[in-house]
C-alpha atoms as a PDB file:
ATOM      1  CA  MET A   1     115.416 104.869 164.037  1.00  0.00           C
ATOM      2  CA  GLU A   2     118.223 104.443 166.545  1.00  0.00           C
ATOM      3  CA  PRO A   3     119.155 100.884 165.502  1.00  0.00           C
ATOM      4  CA  PHE A   4     119.566 102.089 161.917  1.00  0.00           C
ATOM      5  CA  ALA A   5     121.677 105.153 162.704  1.00  0.00           C
ATOM      6  CA  GLU A   6     125.029 103.381 162.293  1.00  0.00           C
ATOM      7  CA  ALA A   7     123.855 101.603 159.129  1.00  0.00           C
ATOM      8  CA  MET A   8     122.776 104.897 157.611  1.00  0.00           C
ATOM      9  CA  GLU A   9     126.182 106.392 158.422  1.00  0.00           C
ATOM     10  CA  ILE A  10     127.821 103.477 156.621  1.00  0.00           C
ATOM     11  CA  VAL A  11     125.602 104.036 153.566  1.00  0.00           C
ATOM     12  CA  ALA A  12     126.431 107.752 153.677  1.00  0.00           C
ATOM     13  CA  ASP A  13     130.127 106.856 153.734  1.00  0.00           C
ATOM     14  CA  VAL A  14     129.713 104.601 150.681  1.00  0.00           C
ATOM     15  CA  MET A  15     127.948 107.500 148.933  1.00  0.00           C
ATOM     16  CA  ARG A  16     130.746 109.924 149.889  1.00  0.00           C
ATOM     17  CA  HIS A  17     133.398 107.598 148.484  1.00  0.00           C
ATOM     18  CA  GLY A  18     131.308 107.077 145.354  1.00  0.00           C
ATOM     19  CA  ALA A  19     130.867 110.820 144.886  1.00  0.00           C
ATOM     20  CA  ALA A  20     134.632 111.271 145.087  1.00  0.00           C
ATOM     21  CA  SER A  21     135.279 108.728 142.327  1.00  0.00           C
ATOM     22  CA  HIS A  22     132.158 109.586 140.279  1.00  0.00           C
ATOM     23  CA  PRO A  23     131.682 113.351 140.762  1.00  0.00           C
ATOM     24  CA  ASP A  24     129.072 113.648 138.016  1.00  0.00           C
ATOM     25  CA  ASN A  25     126.427 111.732 140.052  1.00  0.00           C
ATOM     26  CA  ASP A  26     126.045 109.270 137.207  1.00  0.00           C
ATOM     27  CA  TRP A  27     123.978 106.988 139.465  1.00  0.00           C
ATOM     28  CA  LEU A  28     121.076 109.401 138.918  1.00  0.00           C
ATOM     29  CA  LYS A  29     121.183 108.658 135.181  1.00  0.00           C
ATOM     30  CA  ARG A  30     120.585 104.914 135.637  1.00  0.00           C
ATOM     31  CA  PRO A  31     117.198 103.232 136.071  1.00  0.00           C
ATOM     32  CA  PRO A  32     116.277 101.635 139.404  1.00  0.00           C
ATOM     33  CA  GLU A  33     116.618  98.183 137.816  1.00  0.00           C
ATOM     34  CA  TYR A  34     120.316  98.822 137.181  1.00  0.00           C
ATOM     35  CA  HIS A  35     120.944  99.498 140.862  1.00  0.00           C
ATOM     36  CA  ILE A  36     118.907  96.455 141.904  1.00  0.00           C
ATOM     37  CA  GLN A  37     121.030  94.285 139.631  1.00  0.00           C
ATOM     38  CA  ARG A  38     124.216  95.744 141.092  1.00  0.00           C
ATOM     39  CA  ALA A  39     122.867  95.121 144.613  1.00  0.00           C
ATOM     40  CA  GLN A  40     122.233  91.492 143.666  1.00  0.00           C
ATOM     41  CA  GLU A  41     125.802  91.208 142.374  1.00  0.00           C
ATOM     42  CA  HIS A  42     127.161  92.516 145.671  1.00  0.00           C
ATOM     43  CA  LEU A  43     125.023  90.062 147.625  1.00  0.00           C
ATOM     44  CA  GLN A  44     126.204  87.192 145.453  1.00  0.00           C
ATOM     45  CA  LEU A  45     129.838  88.166 146.015  1.00  0.00           C
ATOM     46  CA  TRP A  46     129.158  88.351 149.764  1.00  0.00           C
ATOM     47  CA  ARG A  47     127.554  84.876 149.698  1.00  0.00           C
ATOM     48  CA  GLU A  48     130.619  83.554 147.895  1.00  0.00           C
ATOM     49  CA  GLY A  49     132.856  84.901 150.644  1.00  0.00           C
ATOM     50  CA  ASP A  50     134.507  87.744 148.723  1.00  0.00           C
ATOM     51  CA  GLN A  51     136.077  90.131 151.230  1.00  0.00           C
ATOM     52  CA  LEU A  52     137.591  92.688 148.865  1.00  0.00           C
ATOM     53  CA  GLN A  53     134.728  95.075 149.613  1.00  0.00           C
ATOM     54  CA  ASP A  54     131.976  95.511 152.194  1.00  0.00           C
ATOM     55  CA  HIS A  55     129.381  94.041 149.850  1.00  0.00           C
ATOM     56  CA  ILE A  56     126.455  94.331 152.278  1.00  0.00           C
ATOM     57  CA  SER A  57     127.027  98.097 152.578  1.00  0.00           C
ATOM     58  CA  HIS A  58     127.299  98.481 148.833  1.00  0.00           C
ATOM     59  CA  ALA A  59     124.175  96.384 148.241  1.00  0.00           C
ATOM     60  CA  ALA A  60     122.219  98.478 150.757  1.00  0.00           C
ATOM     61  CA  THR A  61     123.428 101.653 149.085  1.00  0.00           C
ATOM     62  CA  ARG A  62     122.384 100.403 145.644  1.00  0.00           C
ATOM     63  CA  LEU A  63     118.931  99.492 146.955  1.00  0.00           C
ATOM     64  CA  LEU A  64     118.533 102.962 148.441  1.00  0.00           C
ATOM     65  CA  MET A  65     119.594 104.434 145.106  1.00  0.00           C
ATOM     66  CA  ALA A  66     116.874 102.375 143.388  1.00  0.00           C
ATOM     67  CA  LEU A  67     114.306 103.484 145.968  1.00  0.00           C
ATOM     68  CA  THR A  68     115.317 107.120 145.560  1.00  0.00           C
ATOM     69  CA  LEU A  69     115.054 106.956 141.795  1.00  0.00           C
ATOM     70  CA  ARG A  70     111.686 105.231 141.994  1.00  0.00           C
ATOM     71  CA  GLU A  71     110.372 107.979 144.262  1.00  0.00           C
ATOM     72  CA  ILE A  72     111.707 110.917 142.241  1.00  0.00           C
ATOM     73  CA  GLY A  73     111.015 109.332 138.850  1.00  0.00           C
END
């Protein structure tokens, strides 16, 4: 787990910022496929060199959202 500790903190930070701008937890109302698509969009932007956002962190967060929804759904 130790190598992933910093990555998980980064994902938690993305979630905290998301919760501040979307306080109604609307991510829970979307299907896993939605979050997978958004993760793919972030990865595409990263591949294209976009540096306006940390796209890898956002993609990882979206994939964890999809995994969470799959498990609780």
